[in-house]
Amino acid sequence: MDFRYVLFDLDGTLLPMNKQTFLKGYLEAVASRVAAHIPPREFIGHLLAATRAMIENTDPALTNREVFNREFFPRSGLIESAAGPVFERFYREDFPALAVLTRPTPTARHVLNTARKYGAQLVIATNPVFPEIAIRERLRWAGVAGVPFRLVTTYEIMHFCKPNPLYYEEIAACLNTVPENCLMVGNDVEEDMVAGEVGMATYLVEDHLIRRGLYPCRPDYRGRLQDLVAFFEGL
């Protein structure tokens, strides 16, 4: 085994959390921030529809951010030039408080450091439906903000989302490598283990396992997050 690159999912993998609890808290917080401009329930509906458009997009000419904006602003009636600064203030001032909805573990940094000692370059392969500022903040919550990542997938730079296999192909292209040189580590069977379809090896983290029964559960490796320390030491 020779993994030149190790891709790590963030939410539920390096950053333990209940995704439904976090999503609920996030939606309530951002809706509150824009309540002066649009009713919260209406806003959330448009936000989720635009997010779904990102996830379903297959046009390689459009970044996820471009897909989101093309869907969200016409639907909501908000003006991008006016609403953009409101969202920026939300992520800068309000979003950090959502850290209380997560349960960070020092194991995350230990695992990353062990993978680096093994010789792998590291990638944060989180679903790129958030802007970079939000993803960087969640890396801080996880206690891994200072780790040198080769790539962090954000909605500004990526053109596809999980569970589209094209997302993983795009990561390999960004790294100027082939998928066979990569190991994808994640806790979501449907979103993370699909990396195996493009030739990546897969490791299923079972601490906060998500399995909807929509995709065959056939990872190459599996175990708890802490088991990855011995896994990389044994390579």
C-alpha atoms as a PDB file:
ATOM      1  CA  MET A   1       0.000   0.000   0.000  1.00  0.00           C
ATOM      2  CA  ASP A   2       1.309   3.404  -0.974  1.00  0.00           C
ATOM      3  CA  PHE A   3      -1.082   6.274  -0.340  1.00  0.00           C
ATOM      4  CA  ARG A   4       0.504   9.522  -1.465  1.00  0.00           C
ATOM      5  CA  TYR A   5      -2.603  11.473  -0.502  1.00  0.00           C
ATOM      6  CA  VAL A   6      -5.067  10.887   2.316  1.00  0.00           C
ATOM      7  CA  LEU A   7      -8.432  12.616   2.031  1.00  0.00           C
ATOM      8  CA  PHE A   8     -10.346  13.265   5.244  1.00  0.00           C
ATOM      9  CA  ASP A   9     -14.001  14.089   5.604  1.00  0.00           C
ATOM     10  CA  LEU A  10     -14.592  16.734   8.272  1.00  0.00           C
ATOM     11  CA  ASP A  11     -18.070  16.655   9.845  1.00  0.00           C
ATOM     12  CA  GLY A  12     -18.582  13.407  11.749  1.00  0.00           C
ATOM     13  CA  THR A  13     -15.051  12.218  10.986  1.00  0.00           C
ATOM     14  CA  LEU A  14     -12.381  14.651  12.191  1.00  0.00           C
ATOM     15  CA  LEU A  15     -15.029  16.782  13.885  1.00  0.00           C
ATOM     16  CA  PRO A  16     -17.530  14.619  15.796  1.00  0.00           C
ATOM     17  CA  MET A  17     -21.058  15.969  15.642  1.00  0.00           C
ATOM     18  CA  ASN A  18     -24.675  15.068  15.115  1.00  0.00           C
ATOM     19  CA  LYS A  19     -25.200  16.442  11.609  1.00  0.00           C
ATOM     20  CA  GLN A  20     -28.939  16.962  12.046  1.00  0.00           C
ATOM     21  CA  THR A  21     -28.440  18.906  15.267  1.00  0.00           C
ATOM     22  CA  PHE A  22     -25.760  21.038  13.648  1.00  0.00           C
ATOM     23  CA  LEU A  23     -27.845  21.685  10.532  1.00  0.00           C
ATOM     24  CA  LYS A  24     -30.818  22.775  12.623  1.00  0.00           C
ATOM     25  CA  GLY A  25     -28.669  25.170  14.641  1.00  0.00           C
ATOM     26  CA  TYR A  26     -26.980  26.524  11.526  1.00  0.00           C
ATOM     27  CA  LEU A  27     -30.248  27.173   9.693  1.00  0.00           C
ATOM     28  CA  GLU A  28     -31.777  28.917  12.687  1.00  0.00           C
ATOM     29  CA  ALA A  29     -28.708  31.106  13.147  1.00  0.00           C
ATOM     30  CA  VAL A  30     -28.325  32.203   9.540  1.00  0.00           C
ATOM     31  CA  ALA A  31     -32.076  32.740   9.143  1.00  0.00           C
ATOM     32  CA  SER A  32     -32.022  34.980  12.201  1.00  0.00           C
ATOM     33  CA  ARG A  33     -29.211  37.050  10.690  1.00  0.00           C
ATOM     34  CA  VAL A  34     -31.177  37.764   7.493  1.00  0.00           C
ATOM     35  CA  ALA A  35     -34.623  38.023   9.118  1.00  0.00           C
ATOM     36  CA  ALA A  36     -34.729  41.774   8.456  1.00  0.00           C
ATOM     37  CA  HIS A  37     -34.537  41.049   4.727  1.00  0.00           C
ATOM     38  CA  ILE A  38     -36.630  37.879   4.299  1.00  0.00           C
ATOM     39  CA  PRO A  39     -38.895  35.747   6.559  1.00  0.00           C
ATOM     40  CA  PRO A  40     -36.862  32.897   8.124  1.00  0.00           C
ATOM     41  CA  ARG A  41     -39.023  30.032   6.847  1.00  0.00           C
ATOM     42  CA  GLU A  42     -39.001  31.410   3.315  1.00  0.00           C
ATOM     43  CA  PHE A  43     -35.247  31.970   3.469  1.00  0.00           C
ATOM     44  CA  ILE A  44     -34.537  28.426   4.666  1.00  0.00           C
ATOM     45  CA  GLY A  45     -36.599  26.989   1.833  1.00  0.00           C
ATOM     46  CA  HIS A  46     -34.625  28.919  -0.761  1.00  0.00           C
ATOM     47  CA  LEU A  47     -31.314  28.085   0.922  1.00  0.00           C
ATOM     48  CA  LEU A  48     -32.034  24.361   0.913  1.00  0.00           C
ATOM     49  CA  ALA A  49     -33.221  24.456  -2.705  1.00  0.00           C
ATOM     50  CA  ALA A  50     -30.023  26.212  -3.798  1.00  0.00           C
ATOM     51  CA  THR A  51     -27.933  23.731  -1.823  1.00  0.00           C
ATOM     52  CA  ARG A  52     -29.745  20.866  -3.523  1.00  0.00           C
ATOM     53  CA  ALA A  53     -28.944  22.474  -6.888  1.00  0.00           C
ATOM     54  CA  MET A  54     -25.250  22.448  -5.973  1.00  0.00           C
ATOM     55  CA  ILE A  55     -25.370  18.789  -4.997  1.00  0.00           C
ATOM     56  CA  GLU A  56     -27.149  17.822  -8.215  1.00  0.00           C
ATOM     57  CA  ASN A  57     -25.011  19.950 -10.536  1.00  0.00           C
ATOM     58  CA  THR A  58     -22.993  18.139 -13.213  1.00  0.00           C
ATOM     59  CA  ASP A  59     -21.811  21.166 -15.212  1.00  0.00           C
ATOM     60  CA  PRO A  60     -17.998  21.355 -14.893  1.00  0.00           C
ATOM     61  CA  ALA A  61     -18.030  24.968 -16.084  1.00  0.00           C
ATOM     62  CA  LEU A  62     -19.713  26.218 -12.907  1.00  0.00           C
ATOM     63  CA  THR A  63     -18.273  26.310  -9.412  1.00  0.00           C
ATOM     64  CA  ASN A  64     -20.580  25.298  -6.596  1.00  0.00           C
ATOM     65  CA  ARG A  65     -20.731  28.930  -5.525  1.00  0.00           C
ATOM     66  CA  GLU A  66     -21.872  29.964  -8.996  1.00  0.00           C
ATOM     67  CA  VAL A  67     -24.562  27.267  -9.002  1.00  0.00           C
ATOM     68  CA  PHE A  68     -25.757  28.362  -5.560  1.00  0.00           C
ATOM     69  CA  ASN A  69     -25.930  32.035  -6.483  1.00  0.00           C
ATOM     70  CA  ARG A  70     -27.686  31.330  -9.776  1.00  0.00           C
ATOM     71  CA  GLU A  71     -30.378  29.401  -7.902  1.00  0.00           C
ATOM     72  CA  PHE A  72     -30.642  31.288  -4.610  1.00  0.00           C
ATOM     73  CA  PHE A  73     -30.813  34.957  -5.536  1.00  0.00           C
ATOM     74  CA  PRO A  74     -33.502  34.770  -8.245  1.00  0.00           C
ATOM     75  CA  ARG A  75     -35.597  32.498  -6.004  1.00  0.00           C
ATOM     76  CA  SER A  76     -35.292  34.647  -2.891  1.00  0.00           C
ATOM     77  CA  GLY A  77     -35.515  38.055  -4.552  1.00  0.00           C
ATOM     78  CA  LEU A  78     -32.482  39.203  -2.575  1.00  0.00           C
ATOM     79  CA  ILE A  79     -29.819  41.256  -4.325  1.00  0.00           C
ATOM     80  CA  GLU A  80     -26.393  39.609  -4.229  1.00  0.00           C
ATOM     81  CA  SER A  81     -24.500  42.861  -3.782  1.00  0.00           C
ATOM     82  CA  ALA A  82     -26.632  43.730  -0.746  1.00  0.00           C
ATOM     83  CA  ALA A  83     -27.052  40.254   0.778  1.00  0.00           C
ATOM     84  CA  GLY A  84     -23.442  39.167   0.294  1.00  0.00           C
ATOM     85  CA  PRO A  85     -22.054  41.385   3.078  1.00  0.00           C
ATOM     86  CA  VAL A  86     -24.817  40.156   5.414  1.00  0.00           C
ATOM     87  CA  PHE A  87     -23.727  36.553   4.889  1.00  0.00           C
ATOM     88  CA  GLU A  88     -20.086  37.522   5.368  1.00  0.00           C
ATOM     89  CA  ARG A  89     -20.912  39.111   8.725  1.00  0.00           C
ATOM     90  CA  PHE A  90     -22.831  35.993   9.717  1.00  0.00           C
ATOM     91  CA  TYR A  91     -19.855  33.727   9.078  1.00  0.00           C
ATOM     92  CA  ARG A  92     -17.454  36.132  10.749  1.00  0.00           C
ATOM     93  CA  GLU A  93     -19.556  37.058  13.800  1.00  0.00           C
ATOM     94  CA  ASP A  94     -22.241  34.388  14.368  1.00  0.00           C
ATOM     95  CA  PHE A  95     -20.992  31.137  12.883  1.00  0.00           C
ATOM     96  CA  PRO A  96     -18.150  30.614  15.428  1.00  0.00           C
ATOM     97  CA  ALA A  97     -20.746  30.267  18.212  1.00  0.00           C
ATOM     98  CA  LEU A  98     -22.027  27.064  16.584  1.00  0.00           C
ATOM     99  CA  ALA A  99     -18.915  25.289  17.863  1.00  0.00           C
ATOM    100  CA  VAL A 100     -20.995  24.303  20.905  1.00  0.00           C
ATOM    101  CA  LEU A 101     -22.924  21.915  18.641  1.00  0.00           C
ATOM    102  CA  THR A 102     -19.795  19.837  17.986  1.00  0.00           C
ATOM    103  CA  ARG A 103     -17.676  17.491  20.111  1.00  0.00           C
ATOM    104  CA  PRO A 104     -14.025  17.912  19.061  1.00  0.00           C
ATOM    105  CA  THR A 105     -11.497  15.225  19.906  1.00  0.00           C
ATOM    106  CA  PRO A 106      -7.678  15.418  20.182  1.00  0.00           C
ATOM    107  CA  THR A 107      -7.598  12.139  18.266  1.00  0.00           C
ATOM    108  CA  ALA A 108      -8.146  14.090  15.043  1.00  0.00           C
ATOM    109  CA  ARG A 109      -4.821  15.919  15.223  1.00  0.00           C
ATOM    110  CA  HIS A 110      -3.059  12.731  16.365  1.00  0.00           C
ATOM    111  CA  VAL A 111      -4.357  10.873  13.324  1.00  0.00           C
ATOM    112  CA  LEU A 112      -3.338  13.657  10.940  1.00  0.00           C
ATOM    113  CA  ASN A 113       0.145  13.884  12.426  1.00  0.00           C
ATOM    114  CA  THR A 114       0.561  10.115  12.130  1.00  0.00           C
ATOM    115  CA  ALA A 115      -0.533  10.197   8.491  1.00  0.00           C
ATOM    116  CA  ARG A 116       2.027  12.939   7.819  1.00  0.00           C
ATOM    117  CA  LYS A 117       4.769  10.877   9.486  1.00  0.00           C
ATOM    118  CA  TYR A 118       3.792   8.025   7.196  1.00  0.00           C
ATOM    119  CA  GLY A 119       4.565  10.396   4.339  1.00  0.00           C
ATOM    120  CA  ALA A 120       1.146  11.243   2.982  1.00  0.00           C
ATOM    121  CA  GLN A 121      -0.036  14.663   1.931  1.00  0.00           C
ATOM    122  CA  LEU A 122      -3.353  15.590   3.502  1.00  0.00           C
ATOM    123  CA  VAL A 123      -6.595  16.807   1.985  1.00  0.00           C
ATOM    124  CA  ILE A 124      -9.767  18.024   3.676  1.00  0.00           C
ATOM    125  CA  ALA A 125     -12.463  16.447   1.508  1.00  0.00           C
ATOM    126  CA  THR A 126     -15.525  17.955   3.131  1.00  0.00           C
ATOM    127  CA  ASN A 127     -18.670  18.372   1.071  1.00  0.00           C
ATOM    128  CA  PRO A 128     -18.024  21.753  -0.609  1.00  0.00           C
ATOM    129  CA  VAL A 129     -21.400  23.351   0.025  1.00  0.00           C
ATOM    130  CA  PHE A 130     -19.935  25.962   2.411  1.00  0.00           C
ATOM    131  CA  PRO A 131     -17.657  28.943   1.769  1.00  0.00           C
ATOM    132  CA  GLU A 132     -14.009  28.726   2.763  1.00  0.00           C
ATOM    133  CA  ILE A 133     -14.501  30.932   5.836  1.00  0.00           C
ATOM    134  CA  ALA A 134     -16.971  28.410   7.304  1.00  0.00           C
ATOM    135  CA  ILE A 135     -14.776  25.403   6.558  1.00  0.00           C
ATOM    136  CA  ARG A 136     -11.682  27.070   8.023  1.00  0.00           C
ATOM    137  CA  GLU A 137     -13.691  27.849  11.152  1.00  0.00           C
ATOM    138  CA  ARG A 138     -14.754  24.188  11.486  1.00  0.00           C
ATOM    139  CA  LEU A 139     -11.114  23.124  11.122  1.00  0.00           C
ATOM    140  CA  ARG A 140     -10.406  25.397  14.075  1.00  0.00           C
ATOM    141  CA  TRP A 141     -13.164  23.718  16.084  1.00  0.00           C
ATOM    142  CA  ALA A 142     -11.642  20.337  15.271  1.00  0.00           C
ATOM    143  CA  GLY A 143      -8.264  21.513  16.574  1.00  0.00           C
ATOM    144  CA  VAL A 144      -6.517  20.956  13.242  1.00  0.00           C
ATOM    145  CA  ALA A 145      -6.351  24.488  11.812  1.00  0.00           C
ATOM    146  CA  GLY A 146      -2.544  24.547  11.869  1.00  0.00           C
ATOM    147  CA  VAL A 147      -2.079  21.309   9.957  1.00  0.00           C
ATOM    148  CA  PRO A 148      -0.616  21.847   6.459  1.00  0.00           C
ATOM    149  CA  PHE A 149      -3.277  20.584   4.072  1.00  0.00           C
ATOM    150  CA  ARG A 150      -2.472  20.249   0.396  1.00  0.00           C
ATOM    151  CA  LEU A 151      -6.100  21.010  -0.492  1.00  0.00           C
ATOM    152  CA  VAL A 152      -9.284  22.030   1.304  1.00  0.00           C
ATOM    153  CA  THR A 153     -12.406  21.628  -0.804  1.00  0.00           C
ATOM    154  CA  THR A 154     -14.709  24.668  -0.621  1.00  0.00           C
ATOM    155  CA  TYR A 155     -17.646  25.855  -2.678  1.00  0.00           C
ATOM    156  CA  GLU A 156     -15.561  28.631  -4.212  1.00  0.00           C
ATOM    157  CA  ILE A 157     -13.183  26.231  -6.014  1.00  0.00           C
ATOM    158  CA  MET A 158     -15.031  22.928  -6.505  1.00  0.00           C
ATOM    159  CA  HIS A 159     -17.486  22.105  -9.293  1.00  0.00           C
ATOM    160  CA  PHE A 160     -19.137  18.999  -7.840  1.00  0.00           C
ATOM    161  CA  CYS A 161     -20.396  17.750  -4.489  1.00  0.00           C
ATOM    162  CA  LYS A 162     -20.671  14.464  -2.650  1.00  0.00           C
ATOM    163  CA  PRO A 163     -21.935  11.864  -3.457  1.00  0.00           C
ATOM    164  CA  ASN A 164     -21.093  12.559  -7.112  1.00  0.00           C
ATOM    165  CA  PRO A 165     -18.006  10.490  -8.057  1.00  0.00           C
ATOM    166  CA  LEU A 166     -16.911  13.450 -10.186  1.00  0.00           C
ATOM    167  CA  TYR A 167     -16.126  15.250  -6.917  1.00  0.00           C
ATOM    168  CA  TYR A 168     -13.414  12.703  -6.183  1.00  0.00           C
ATOM    169  CA  GLU A 169     -12.107  12.782  -9.726  1.00  0.00           C
ATOM    170  CA  GLU A 170     -11.825  16.562  -9.456  1.00  0.00           C
ATOM    171  CA  ILE A 171      -9.802  16.239  -6.252  1.00  0.00           C
ATOM    172  CA  ALA A 172      -7.377  13.857  -7.958  1.00  0.00           C
ATOM    173  CA  ALA A 173      -7.067  16.317 -10.854  1.00  0.00           C
ATOM    174  CA  CYS A 174      -6.372  19.186  -8.450  1.00  0.00           C
ATOM    175  CA  LEU A 175      -3.606  17.069  -6.903  1.00  0.00           C
ATOM    176  CA  ASN A 176      -2.249  16.197 -10.341  1.00  0.00           C
ATOM    177  CA  THR A 177      -2.442  12.507  -9.505  1.00  0.00           C
ATOM    178  CA  VAL A 178      -4.561   9.440 -10.198  1.00  0.00           C
ATOM    179  CA  PRO A 179      -7.290   8.263  -7.798  1.00  0.00           C
ATOM    180  CA  GLU A 180      -5.359   5.055  -7.085  1.00  0.00           C
ATOM    181  CA  ASN A 181      -2.793   7.128  -5.154  1.00  0.00           C
ATOM    182  CA  CYS A 182      -5.475   8.312  -2.721  1.00  0.00           C
ATOM    183  CA  LEU A 183      -7.177   7.003   0.410  1.00  0.00           C
ATOM    184  CA  MET A 184     -10.548   8.519   1.348  1.00  0.00           C
ATOM    185  CA  VAL A 185     -11.396   8.507   5.064  1.00  0.00           C
ATOM    186  CA  GLY A 186     -14.960   9.264   6.110  1.00  0.00           C
ATOM    187  CA  ASN A 187     -17.940   8.247   8.210  1.00  0.00           C
ATOM    188  CA  ASP A 188     -20.703   8.452   5.591  1.00  0.00           C
ATOM    189  CA  VAL A 189     -21.250   5.354   3.452  1.00  0.00           C
ATOM    190  CA  GLU A 190     -23.188   7.130   0.722  1.00  0.00           C
ATOM    191  CA  GLU A 191     -21.069  10.293   0.529  1.00  0.00           C
ATOM    192  CA  ASP A 192     -17.556   9.075   1.329  1.00  0.00           C
ATOM    193  CA  MET A 193     -17.266   5.429   0.293  1.00  0.00           C
ATOM    194  CA  VAL A 194     -18.403   6.313  -3.248  1.00  0.00           C
ATOM    195  CA  ALA A 195     -14.781   7.414  -3.729  1.00  0.00           C
ATOM    196  CA  GLY A 196     -14.091   3.746  -4.383  1.00  0.00           C
ATOM    197  CA  GLU A 197     -15.983   4.011  -7.671  1.00  0.00           C
ATOM    198  CA  VAL A 198     -13.223   6.152  -9.180  1.00  0.00           C
ATOM    199  CA  GLY A 199     -10.398   3.954  -7.896  1.00  0.00           C
ATOM    200  CA  MET A 200      -9.600   5.466  -4.509  1.00  0.00           C
ATOM    201  CA  ALA A 201      -9.099   3.211  -1.505  1.00  0.00           C
ATOM    202  CA  THR A 202     -11.632   3.853   1.257  1.00  0.00           C
ATOM    203  CA  TYR A 203     -11.579   3.753   5.051  1.00  0.00           C
ATOM    204  CA  LEU A 204     -14.934   3.883   6.861  1.00  0.00           C
ATOM    205  CA  VAL A 205     -14.772   5.608  10.251  1.00  0.00           C
ATOM    206  CA  GLU A 206     -17.434   4.010  12.418  1.00  0.00           C
ATOM    207  CA  ASP A 207     -17.542   6.354  15.453  1.00  0.00           C
ATOM    208  CA  HIS A 208     -20.390   8.431  13.986  1.00  0.00           C
ATOM    209  CA  LEU A 209     -21.389   6.145  11.160  1.00  0.00           C
ATOM    210  CA  ILE A 210     -23.991   7.370   8.669  1.00  0.00           C
ATOM    211  CA  ARG A 211     -25.572   4.687   6.514  1.00  0.00           C
ATOM    212  CA  ARG A 212     -28.851   5.312   4.737  1.00  0.00           C
ATOM    213  CA  GLY A 213     -28.978   1.941   2.986  1.00  0.00           C
ATOM    214  CA  LEU A 214     -28.728   3.577  -0.436  1.00  0.00           C
ATOM    215  CA  TYR A 215     -25.203   2.446  -1.312  1.00  0.00           C
ATOM    216  CA  PRO A 216     -23.358  -0.861  -0.795  1.00  0.00           C
ATOM    217  CA  CYS A 217     -21.145  -0.734   2.296  1.00  0.00           C
ATOM    218  CA  ARG A 218     -17.906  -2.205   0.981  1.00  0.00           C
ATOM    219  CA  PRO A 219     -14.999  -0.100   2.292  1.00  0.00           C
ATOM    220  CA  ASP A 220     -11.474  -1.367   1.867  1.00  0.00           C
ATOM    221  CA  TYR A 221     -10.816  -0.695   5.548  1.00  0.00           C
ATOM    222  CA  ARG A 222     -12.934   0.227   8.524  1.00  0.00           C
ATOM    223  CA  GLY A 223     -12.584   1.037  12.210  1.00  0.00           C
ATOM    224  CA  ARG A 224     -12.767   3.820  14.761  1.00  0.00           C
ATOM    225  CA  LEU A 225     -11.013   7.141  14.276  1.00  0.00           C
ATOM    226  CA  GLN A 226      -8.379   6.189  16.846  1.00  0.00           C
ATOM    227  CA  ASP A 227      -7.652   2.978  14.931  1.00  0.00           C
ATOM    228  CA  LEU A 228      -6.222   5.077  12.104  1.00  0.00           C
ATOM    229  CA  VAL A 229      -3.135   5.778  14.223  1.00  0.00           C
ATOM    230  CA  ALA A 230      -2.143   2.102  14.214  1.00  0.00           C
ATOM    231  CA  PHE A 231      -3.279   1.817  10.594  1.00  0.00           C
ATOM    232  CA  PHE A 232      -0.832   4.461   9.370  1.00  0.00           C
ATOM    233  CA  GLU A 233       1.940   3.257  11.698  1.00  0.00           C
ATOM    234  CA  GLY A 234       1.576  -0.184  10.145  1.00  0.00           C
ATOM    235  CA  LEU A 235       1.842   0.930   6.518  1.00  0.00           C
END
